C-alpha atoms as a PDB file:
ATOM      1  CA  MET A   1     -16.479  18.289 -12.807  1.00  0.00           C
ATOM      2  CA  ASN A   2     -17.344  15.657 -15.332  1.00  0.00           C
ATOM      3  CA  SER A   3     -21.168  15.360 -15.605  1.00  0.00           C
ATOM      4  CA  LYS A   4     -21.150  11.745 -15.541  1.00  0.00           C
ATOM      5  CA  GLN A   5     -19.474  11.705 -12.233  1.00  0.00           C
ATOM      6  CA  LYS A   6     -21.129   9.919  -9.543  1.00  0.00           C
ATOM      7  CA  PRO A   7     -22.448  12.171  -6.734  1.00  0.00           C
ATOM      8  CA  ASN A   8     -20.099  12.493  -3.469  1.00  0.00           C
ATOM      9  CA  PRO A   9     -21.901  10.200  -0.781  1.00  0.00           C
ATOM     10  CA  TYR A  10     -20.452  12.251   1.867  1.00  0.00           C
ATOM     11  CA  LYS A  11     -20.753  15.830   3.388  1.00  0.00           C
ATOM     12  CA  PRO A  12     -17.742  17.468   4.173  1.00  0.00           C
ATOM     13  CA  VAL A  13     -18.264  18.092   8.007  1.00  0.00           C
ATOM     14  CA  TYR A  14     -14.955  19.439   9.352  1.00  0.00           C
ATOM     15  CA  THR A  15     -15.419  23.067   9.732  1.00  0.00           C
ATOM     16  CA  VAL A  16     -13.394  25.653  12.170  1.00  0.00           C
ATOM     17  CA  ARG A  17     -14.711  28.695  13.539  1.00  0.00           C
ATOM     18  CA  LYS A  18     -12.914  31.824  12.945  1.00  0.00           C
ATOM     19  CA  ASN A  19     -10.416  32.946  15.955  1.00  0.00           C
ATOM     20  CA  SER A  20     -10.596  29.509  17.675  1.00  0.00           C
ATOM     21  CA  ALA A  21      -7.389  27.729  18.860  1.00  0.00           C
ATOM     22  CA  ALA A  22      -7.865  25.246  15.830  1.00  0.00           C
ATOM     23  CA  ALA A  23      -7.935  28.101  13.332  1.00  0.00           C
ATOM     24  CA  LYS A  24      -4.923  29.697  14.563  1.00  0.00           C
ATOM     25  CA  LYS A  25      -3.016  26.438  14.369  1.00  0.00           C
ATOM     26  CA  ILE A  26      -4.207  25.968  10.787  1.00  0.00           C
ATOM     27  CA  HIS A  27      -2.946  29.625  10.019  1.00  0.00           C
ATOM     28  CA  CYS A  28       0.564  28.857  11.676  1.00  0.00           C
ATOM     29  CA  ALA A  29       0.752  25.538   9.535  1.00  0.00           C
ATOM     30  CA  THR A  30      -0.223  27.084   6.220  1.00  0.00           C
ATOM     31  CA  GLN A  31       2.004  30.248   6.585  1.00  0.00           C
ATOM     32  CA  LYS A  32       3.919  30.777   3.272  1.00  0.00           C
ATOM     33  CA  LEU A  33       1.565  28.418   1.568  1.00  0.00           C
ATOM     34  CA  SER A  34       0.944  29.848  -1.652  1.00  0.00           C
ATOM     35  CA  VAL A  35       0.632  29.036  -5.192  1.00  0.00           C
ATOM     36  CA  GLN A  36       3.905  30.725  -6.025  1.00  0.00           C
ATOM     37  CA  ALA A  37       5.691  29.118  -3.508  1.00  0.00           C
ATOM     38  CA  ILE A  38       4.584  25.718  -4.665  1.00  0.00           C
ATOM     39  CA  ALA A  39       5.514  26.601  -8.069  1.00  0.00           C
ATOM     40  CA  GLU A  40       9.150  27.431  -6.953  1.00  0.00           C
ATOM     41  CA  HIS A  41       9.750  24.334  -5.164  1.00  0.00           C
ATOM     42  CA  CYS A  42       8.354  22.270  -7.991  1.00  0.00           C
ATOM     43  CA  LEU A  43      10.683  24.005 -10.399  1.00  0.00           C
ATOM     44  CA  ASN A  44      13.516  23.194  -7.863  1.00  0.00           C
ATOM     45  CA  MET A  45      12.602  19.658  -8.195  1.00  0.00           C
ATOM     46  CA  GLY A  46      12.421  19.699 -11.854  1.00  0.00           C
ATOM     47  CA  PHE A  47       8.549  20.174 -12.623  1.00  0.00           C
ATOM     48  CA  SER A  48       6.606  22.897 -14.411  1.00  0.00           C
ATOM     49  CA  LEU A  49       2.794  22.878 -13.576  1.00  0.00           C
ATOM     50  CA  THR A  50      -0.027  24.728 -15.200  1.00  0.00           C
ATOM     51  CA  ALA A  51      -1.759  27.460 -13.195  1.00  0.00           C
ATOM     52  CA  PRO A  52      -4.958  25.156 -12.603  1.00  0.00           C
ATOM     53  CA  GLN A  53      -2.680  22.171 -11.496  1.00  0.00           C
ATOM     54  CA  LEU A  54      -0.950  24.680  -9.012  1.00  0.00           C
ATOM     55  CA  ALA A  55      -4.142  25.815  -7.738  1.00  0.00           C
ATOM     56  CA  ALA A  56      -5.537  22.234  -7.293  1.00  0.00           C
ATOM     57  CA  LEU A  57      -2.263  21.359  -5.485  1.00  0.00           C
ATOM     58  CA  HIS A  58      -2.420  24.484  -3.233  1.00  0.00           C
ATOM     59  CA  GLU A  59      -6.176  23.379  -2.253  1.00  0.00           C
ATOM     60  CA  TYR A  60      -4.980  19.774  -1.466  1.00  0.00           C
ATOM     61  CA  LEU A  61      -1.991  21.124   0.576  1.00  0.00           C
ATOM     62  CA  PHE A  62      -4.240  23.367   2.561  1.00  0.00           C
ATOM     63  CA  LEU A  63      -7.000  20.524   3.334  1.00  0.00           C
ATOM     64  CA  LEU A  64      -4.138  18.208   4.168  1.00  0.00           C
ATOM     65  CA  GLN A  65      -2.675  20.516   6.700  1.00  0.00           C
ATOM     66  CA  LYS A  66      -6.055  21.362   7.935  1.00  0.00           C
ATOM     67  CA  TRP A  67      -7.180  17.904   8.699  1.00  0.00           C
ATOM     68  CA  ASN A  68      -3.842  16.566   9.847  1.00  0.00           C
ATOM     69  CA  LEU A  69      -4.263  18.764  13.128  1.00  0.00           C
ATOM     70  CA  SER A  70      -6.870  16.595  14.153  1.00  0.00           C
ATOM     71  CA  MET A  71      -6.548  13.271  12.240  1.00  0.00           C
ATOM     72  CA  ASN A  72      -2.844  12.778  11.889  1.00  0.00           C
ATOM     73  CA  LEU A  73      -2.995  12.068   8.251  1.00  0.00           C
ATOM     74  CA  VAL A  74       0.790  12.078   7.483  1.00  0.00           C
ATOM     75  CA  GLY A  75       3.857  12.318   9.829  1.00  0.00           C
ATOM     76  CA  LYS A  76       5.480  15.589   8.199  1.00  0.00           C
ATOM     77  CA  THR A  77       4.346  18.674   9.883  1.00  0.00           C
ATOM     78  CA  SER A  78       5.081  21.412   7.117  1.00  0.00           C
ATOM     79  CA  TRP A  79       3.651  21.719   3.550  1.00  0.00           C
ATOM     80  CA  GLU A  80       7.211  22.164   2.342  1.00  0.00           C
ATOM     81  CA  GLU A  81       8.007  18.689   3.513  1.00  0.00           C
ATOM     82  CA  ILE A  82       4.994  17.090   2.356  1.00  0.00           C
ATOM     83  CA  LEU A  83       5.395  18.624  -1.035  1.00  0.00           C
ATOM     84  CA  THR A  84       9.173  17.968  -1.496  1.00  0.00           C
ATOM     85  CA  GLU A  85       9.468  14.580   0.320  1.00  0.00           C
ATOM     86  CA  LEU A  86       5.965  13.005  -0.245  1.00  0.00           C
ATOM     87  CA  ILE A  87       4.078  14.617  -3.131  1.00  0.00           C
ATOM     88  CA  ALA A  88       7.528  14.203  -4.998  1.00  0.00           C
ATOM     89  CA  ASP A  89       6.688  10.649  -5.739  1.00  0.00           C
ATOM     90  CA  SER A  90       3.357  11.831  -7.389  1.00  0.00           C
ATOM     91  CA  LEU A  91       5.200  14.420  -9.763  1.00  0.00           C
ATOM     92  CA  HIS A  92       7.681  11.524 -11.113  1.00  0.00           C
ATOM     93  CA  LEU A  93       4.666   8.922 -11.231  1.00  0.00           C
ATOM     94  CA  ALA A  94       2.584  11.374 -13.081  1.00  0.00           C
ATOM     95  CA  LYS A  95       5.565  12.180 -15.580  1.00  0.00           C
ATOM     96  CA  TYR A  96       5.968   8.295 -16.179  1.00  0.00           C
ATOM     97  CA  LEU A  97       2.074   7.746 -16.951  1.00  0.00           C
ATOM     98  CA  ASN A  98       1.960  10.706 -19.115  1.00  0.00           C
ATOM     99  CA  SER A  99       4.171   9.177 -21.484  1.00  0.00           C
ATOM    100  CA  HIS A 100       3.137   5.506 -20.962  1.00  0.00           C
ATOM    101  CA  ALA A 101       2.536   3.647 -24.081  1.00  0.00           C
ATOM    102  CA  GLU A 102      -0.836   2.219 -22.552  1.00  0.00           C
ATOM    103  CA  PHE A 103      -2.036   4.748 -19.982  1.00  0.00           C
ATOM    104  CA  ALA A 104      -1.069   7.993 -21.432  1.00  0.00           C
ATOM    105  CA  PRO A 105      -2.855  10.494 -23.879  1.00  0.00           C
ATOM    106  CA  ALA A 106      -2.035   9.600 -27.339  1.00  0.00           C
ATOM    107  CA  SER A 107      -0.618  13.009 -27.827  1.00  0.00           C
ATOM    108  CA  VAL A 108       1.895  13.228 -25.253  1.00  0.00           C
ATOM    109  CA  PRO A 109       5.532  12.376 -26.648  1.00  0.00           C
ATOM    110  CA  PHE A 110       7.595  10.020 -24.532  1.00  0.00           C
ATOM    111  CA  PHE A 111       9.905  11.854 -22.030  1.00  0.00           C
ATOM    112  CA  THR A 112      13.496  11.904 -21.530  1.00  0.00           C
ATOM    113  CA  GLN A 113      14.345  10.879 -17.966  1.00  0.00           C
ATOM    114  CA  ASN A 114      17.300  13.182 -17.819  1.00  0.00           C
ATOM    115  CA  GLU A 115      15.463  16.384 -19.137  1.00  0.00           C
ATOM    116  CA  LYS A 116      16.123  19.245 -16.826  1.00  0.00           C
ATOM    117  CA  THR A 117      12.495  20.354 -16.187  1.00  0.00           C
ATOM    118  CA  TYR A 118       9.366  18.288 -17.179  1.00  0.00           C
ATOM    119  CA  ALA A 119       6.351  20.658 -18.225  1.00  0.00           C
ATOM    120  CA  PHE A 120       3.166  19.164 -17.432  1.00  0.00           C
ATOM    121  CA  GLN A 121      -0.009  20.009 -19.551  1.00  0.00           C
ATOM    122  CA  TYR A 122      -3.558  19.396 -19.477  1.00  0.00           C
ATOM    123  CA  TYR A 123      -5.089  16.558 -21.819  1.00  0.00           C
ATOM    124  CA  GLU A 124      -8.639  15.205 -22.267  1.00  0.00           C
ATOM    125  CA  ASN A 125      -9.297  11.732 -20.738  1.00  0.00           C
ATOM    126  CA  GLU A 126      -8.723   9.619 -23.951  1.00  0.00           C
ATOM    127  CA  HIS A 127      -9.063   6.032 -21.959  1.00  0.00           C
ATOM    128  CA  ASP A 128     -11.774   4.005 -20.360  1.00  0.00           C
ATOM    129  CA  PHE A 129      -9.376   1.603 -18.440  1.00  0.00           C
ATOM    130  CA  THR A 130      -9.711   0.926 -14.665  1.00  0.00           C
ATOM    131  CA  ALA A 131      -7.102   1.772 -12.323  1.00  0.00           C
ATOM    132  CA  TRP A 132      -6.916   1.174  -8.420  1.00  0.00           C
ATOM    133  CA  ASP A 133      -5.047   2.632  -5.465  1.00  0.00           C
ATOM    134  CA  LEU A 134      -5.275   0.462  -2.751  1.00  0.00           C
ATOM    135  CA  GLY A 135      -4.631   1.605   0.775  1.00  0.00           C
ATOM    136  CA  ALA A 136      -4.942   5.266  -0.240  1.00  0.00           C
ATOM    137  CA  GLY A 137      -4.662   6.672   2.971  1.00  0.00           C
ATOM    138  CA  ALA A 138      -4.253  10.339   2.938  1.00  0.00           C
ATOM    139  CA  GLY A 139      -4.266  10.459  -0.952  1.00  0.00           C
ATOM    140  CA  LEU A 140      -0.397  10.130  -1.574  1.00  0.00           C
ATOM    141  CA  PRO A 141       0.479   9.433  -4.024  1.00  0.00           C
ATOM    142  CA  GLY A 142      -3.176   9.109  -5.558  1.00  0.00           C
ATOM    143  CA  ILE A 143      -4.593  12.648  -5.042  1.00  0.00           C
ATOM    144  CA  PRO A 144      -1.635  14.963  -6.740  1.00  0.00           C
ATOM    145  CA  LEU A 145      -1.189  12.030  -9.298  1.00  0.00           C
ATOM    146  CA  ARG A 146      -4.845  13.016 -10.482  1.00  0.00           C
ATOM    147  CA  ILE A 147      -4.260  16.488 -10.572  1.00  0.00           C
ATOM    148  CA  LEU A 148      -1.461  15.691 -13.282  1.00  0.00           C
ATOM    149  CA  TRP A 149      -2.707  12.608 -14.906  1.00  0.00           C
ATOM    150  CA  ASN A 150      -6.357  12.173 -15.520  1.00  0.00           C
ATOM    151  CA  GLN A 151      -6.514   9.077 -17.757  1.00  0.00           C
ATOM    152  CA  GLY A 152      -8.984   6.324 -17.258  1.00  0.00           C
ATOM    153  CA  CYS A 153     -11.500   5.709 -14.398  1.00  0.00           C
ATOM    154  CA  TYR A 154      -9.305   5.821 -11.053  1.00  0.00           C
ATOM    155  CA  THR A 155     -10.656   4.381  -7.607  1.00  0.00           C
ATOM    156  CA  LEU A 156      -8.870   5.293  -4.299  1.00  0.00           C
ATOM    157  CA  VAL A 157      -9.795   2.243  -1.858  1.00  0.00           C
ATOM    158  CA  GLU A 158      -9.453   3.269   1.796  1.00  0.00           C
ATOM    159  CA  ALA A 159     -11.049   1.084   4.696  1.00  0.00           C
ATOM    160  CA  ARG A 160     -10.513   3.698   7.251  1.00  0.00           C
ATOM    161  CA  GLU A 161     -13.718   6.114   7.583  1.00  0.00           C
ATOM    162  CA  LYS A 162     -12.156   9.386   8.412  1.00  0.00           C
ATOM    163  CA  ARG A 163      -9.644   9.066   5.676  1.00  0.00           C
ATOM    164  CA  SER A 164     -11.972   8.129   2.929  1.00  0.00           C
ATOM    165  CA  LEU A 165     -14.287  11.116   4.145  1.00  0.00           C
ATOM    166  CA  PHE A 166     -11.163  13.125   3.684  1.00  0.00           C
ATOM    167  CA  LEU A 167     -10.506  11.715   0.452  1.00  0.00           C
ATOM    168  CA  ASN A 168     -13.950  12.284  -0.836  1.00  0.00           C
ATOM    169  CA  THR A 169     -13.967  16.059   0.433  1.00  0.00           C
ATOM    170  CA  VAL A 170     -10.627  16.611  -1.503  1.00  0.00           C
ATOM    171  CA  CYS A 171     -11.906  14.859  -4.619  1.00  0.00           C
ATOM    172  CA  THR A 172     -15.307  16.867  -4.421  1.00  0.00           C
ATOM    173  CA  LYS A 173     -13.298  20.384  -3.955  1.00  0.00           C
ATOM    174  CA  LEU A 174     -10.691  19.981  -6.642  1.00  0.00           C
ATOM    175  CA  GLY A 175     -13.504  18.537  -9.129  1.00  0.00           C
ATOM    176  CA  LEU A 176     -10.858  15.480 -10.059  1.00  0.00           C
ATOM    177  CA  GLU A 177     -12.306  13.999 -13.463  1.00  0.00           C
ATOM    178  CA  GLN A 178     -13.240  10.199 -13.097  1.00  0.00           C
ATOM    179  CA  THR A 179     -11.697   9.751  -9.561  1.00  0.00           C
ATOM    180  CA  PHE A 180     -13.651   7.928  -6.961  1.00  0.00           C
ATOM    181  CA  VAL A 181     -13.408   7.093  -3.252  1.00  0.00           C
ATOM    182  CA  CYS A 182     -14.478   3.615  -1.860  1.00  0.00           C
ATOM    183  CA  ARG A 183     -14.484   2.973   1.816  1.00  0.00           C
ATOM    184  CA  ASP A 184     -14.160  -0.788   1.941  1.00  0.00           C
ATOM    185  CA  ARG A 185     -11.157  -3.383   2.569  1.00  0.00           C
ATOM    186  CA  ALA A 186      -9.323  -4.063  -0.757  1.00  0.00           C
ATOM    187  CA  GLU A 187     -10.233  -7.667  -0.710  1.00  0.00           C
ATOM    188  CA  ASN A 188     -13.868  -6.593  -0.690  1.00  0.00           C
ATOM    189  CA  PHE A 189     -13.779  -3.847  -3.265  1.00  0.00           C
ATOM    190  CA  MET A 190     -11.906  -6.332  -5.695  1.00  0.00           C
ATOM    191  CA  GLN A 191     -14.563  -9.089  -5.758  1.00  0.00           C
ATOM    192  CA  GLY A 192     -16.338  -9.115  -9.050  1.00  0.00           C
ATOM    193  CA  LYS A 193     -14.041  -6.389 -10.531  1.00  0.00           C
ATOM    194  CA  SER A 194     -10.876  -6.152 -12.724  1.00  0.00           C
ATOM    195  CA  ALA A 195      -8.270  -3.474 -13.329  1.00  0.00           C
ATOM    196  CA  ARG A 196      -5.741  -2.557 -16.042  1.00  0.00           C
ATOM    197  CA  LEU A 197      -3.527  -0.852 -13.488  1.00  0.00           C
ATOM    198  CA  ILE A 198      -2.877  -0.966  -9.703  1.00  0.00           C
ATOM    199  CA  VAL A 199      -1.031   1.661  -7.565  1.00  0.00           C
ATOM    200  CA  SER A 200       0.671   0.425  -4.398  1.00  0.00           C
ATOM    201  CA  ARG A 201       2.561   2.491  -1.946  1.00  0.00           C
ATOM    202  CA  ALA A 202       2.970   0.480   1.373  1.00  0.00           C
ATOM    203  CA  PHE A 203      -0.295  -1.333   1.099  1.00  0.00           C
ATOM    204  CA  MET A 204       1.410  -4.515   1.901  1.00  0.00           C
ATOM    205  CA  PRO A 205       4.754  -6.257   1.052  1.00  0.00           C
ATOM    206  CA  TYR A 206       5.077  -7.102  -2.780  1.00  0.00           C
ATOM    207  CA  GLU A 207       5.603 -10.799  -2.151  1.00  0.00           C
ATOM    208  CA  LYS A 208       2.326 -10.905  -0.527  1.00  0.00           C
ATOM    209  CA  MET A 209       0.566  -8.586  -2.613  1.00  0.00           C
ATOM    210  CA  LEU A 210       1.358 -10.109  -6.132  1.00  0.00           C
ATOM    211  CA  PRO A 211      -0.810 -13.201  -5.433  1.00  0.00           C
ATOM    212  CA  PHE A 212      -3.372 -11.142  -3.511  1.00  0.00           C
ATOM    213  CA  ILE A 213      -4.175  -8.865  -6.704  1.00  0.00           C
ATOM    214  CA  ALA A 214      -3.564 -11.659  -9.301  1.00  0.00           C
ATOM    215  CA  PRO A 215      -7.018 -12.573  -9.844  1.00  0.00           C
ATOM    216  CA  TYR A 216      -8.341  -9.226 -10.422  1.00  0.00           C
ATOM    217  CA  LEU A 217      -5.445  -7.467 -12.485  1.00  0.00           C
ATOM    218  CA  GLN A 218      -6.228  -8.133 -16.295  1.00  0.00           C
ATOM    219  CA  GLY A 219      -6.767  -6.502 -19.381  1.00  0.00           C
ATOM    220  CA  SER A 220      -8.764  -7.513 -22.421  1.00  0.00           C
ATOM    221  CA  THR A 221      -6.105  -7.406 -25.070  1.00  0.00           C
ATOM    222  CA  GLN A 222      -2.960  -5.841 -23.313  1.00  0.00           C
ATOM    223  CA  ASN A 223      -1.057  -7.081 -20.107  1.00  0.00           C
ATOM    224  CA  ALA A 224      -2.198  -5.295 -17.067  1.00  0.00           C
ATOM    225  CA  SER A 225       0.266  -3.865 -14.553  1.00  0.00           C
ATOM    226  CA  VAL A 226       0.998  -3.014 -10.897  1.00  0.00           C
ATOM    227  CA  ILE A 227       3.286   0.038 -10.009  1.00  0.00           C
ATOM    228  CA  PHE A 228       4.969  -0.306  -6.528  1.00  0.00           C
ATOM    229  CA  LEU A 229       6.721   2.844  -5.286  1.00  0.00           C
ATOM    230  CA  THR A 230       9.437   1.156  -3.345  1.00  0.00           C
ATOM    231  CA  LEU A 231      13.171   2.197  -1.979  1.00  0.00           C
ATOM    232  CA  GLU A 232      14.404  -0.892  -3.546  1.00  0.00           C
ATOM    233  CA  LYS A 233      14.317  -2.799  -7.202  1.00  0.00           C
ATOM    234  CA  ILE A 234      12.115  -5.635  -7.688  1.00  0.00           C
ATOM    235  CA  ASP A 235      12.610  -8.684  -9.699  1.00  0.00           C
ATOM    236  CA  ALA A 236       9.329  -9.822 -10.232  1.00  0.00           C
ATOM    237  CA  SER A 237      10.284 -13.170 -11.735  1.00  0.00           C
ATOM    238  CA  LYS A 238      11.220 -14.531  -8.329  1.00  0.00           C
ATOM    239  CA  TYR A 239       7.550 -14.618  -7.438  1.00  0.00           C
ATOM    240  CA  ASN A 240       6.247 -16.559 -10.607  1.00  0.00           C
ATOM    241  CA  THR A 241       4.277 -19.574  -9.935  1.00  0.00           C
ATOM    242  CA  ALA A 242       2.286 -21.950 -12.099  1.00  0.00           C
ATOM    243  CA  ALA A 243      -0.936 -19.787 -11.798  1.00  0.00           C
ATOM    244  CA  ASN A 244       0.494 -16.571 -12.220  1.00  0.00           C
ATOM    245  CA  GLN A 245       3.448 -15.062 -14.325  1.00  0.00           C
ATOM    246  CA  TRP A 246       5.013 -11.755 -13.586  1.00  0.00           C
ATOM    247  CA  HIS A 247       7.650  -9.637 -15.658  1.00  0.00           C
ATOM    248  CA  THR A 248       9.317  -6.318 -14.134  1.00  0.00           C
ATOM    249  CA  LYS A 249       8.601  -3.872 -17.357  1.00  0.00           C
ATOM    250  CA  THR A 250      10.087  -0.927 -15.841  1.00  0.00           C
ATOM    251  CA  ILE A 251      12.145   0.442 -13.154  1.00  0.00           C
ATOM    252  CA  TYR A 252      12.085   4.085 -12.800  1.00  0.00           C
ATOM    253  CA  GLU A 253      14.906   5.639 -10.487  1.00  0.00           C
ATOM    254  CA  TYR A 254      14.688   9.089  -9.000  1.00  0.00           C
ATOM    255  CA  THR A 255      16.124  11.018  -6.172  1.00  0.00           C
ATOM    256  CA  VAL A 256      14.364  12.758  -3.131  1.00  0.00           C
ATOM    257  CA  LYS A 257      16.477  14.684  -0.516  1.00  0.00           C
ATOM    258  CA  GLY A 258      19.557  13.043  -1.909  1.00  0.00           C
ATOM    259  CA  LYS A 259      18.014   9.273  -1.454  1.00  0.00           C
ATOM    260  CA  LYS A 260      17.203   6.948  -4.177  1.00  0.00           C
ATOM    261  CA  ARG A 261      13.631   5.924  -4.714  1.00  0.00           C
ATOM    262  CA  PHE A 262      11.980   3.728  -7.218  1.00  0.00           C
ATOM    263  CA  PHE A 263       9.009   2.804  -8.742  1.00  0.00           C
ATOM    264  CA  CYS A 264       8.723  -0.569 -10.497  1.00  0.00           C
ATOM    265  CA  GLU A 265       5.954  -1.578 -13.133  1.00  0.00           C
ATOM    266  CA  ILE A 266       5.648  -5.228 -13.126  1.00  0.00           C
ATOM    267  CA  GLU A 267       3.119  -6.711 -15.707  1.00  0.00           C
ATOM    268  CA  LYS A 268       1.039  -9.798 -15.259  1.00  0.00           C
ATOM    269  CA  LEU A 269       1.484 -11.945 -18.245  1.00  0.00           C
ATOM    270  CA  PRO A 270      -1.313 -13.750 -19.964  1.00  0.00           C
ATOM    271  CA  ASN A 271      -1.558 -17.516 -18.660  1.00  0.00           C
ATOM    272  CA  ALA A 272       0.112 -19.963 -21.223  1.00  0.00           C
END
């Protein structure tokens, strides 16, 4: 873990006695969960991960399955479904950000979207920009994203106590670099702060979210962006106002289980 990282304000409290009913449920839920199985599923989706990334993803899936038995963190019941239907979004988003002109390490080449297999690597954190994940929930897409893309300072904002406790436990166990958890409502967290990048998955409808985040989304020399994970393309210009001008910079299309998904990077343009 980075020596400058803030200490974990929570203590993990969720333990399970061996041979208990809960332990048996965990064993059943995580049967066949292995680093090799995760690697094979990722390859089938077109992604190659390093050994440390696979180990971290394995730990996250195990903890998610374990806590999900008592907290209902996600609706999917098997780790295979979680990986191929939910974490798939994180894989594509990490691929995109790892070759982004502003948010990627300088040494990473731009990707070809149609390449057969994308190979993730480890890079040093070369940036000091601020990124927020509003309404982080169970850490999707944020936790797998930070396993695969570690640039800047990333804060998962989650108002619900048990979910923020889960996120803190995961971040501590995985030693995610410059990745923090704030238990607060987004409107309280953002006061007096600004971000270059905001990630949103089902936090609120984008037509409401754009004016909500506008006062806090700003960069010093470059435009700031929000990335929405959606099931449709977004034309941001429809939501321009006298106070805020928006531009859809990129629409990235991908397929999960035969169905199209998108993430749309929308820039907030400087005021004229």
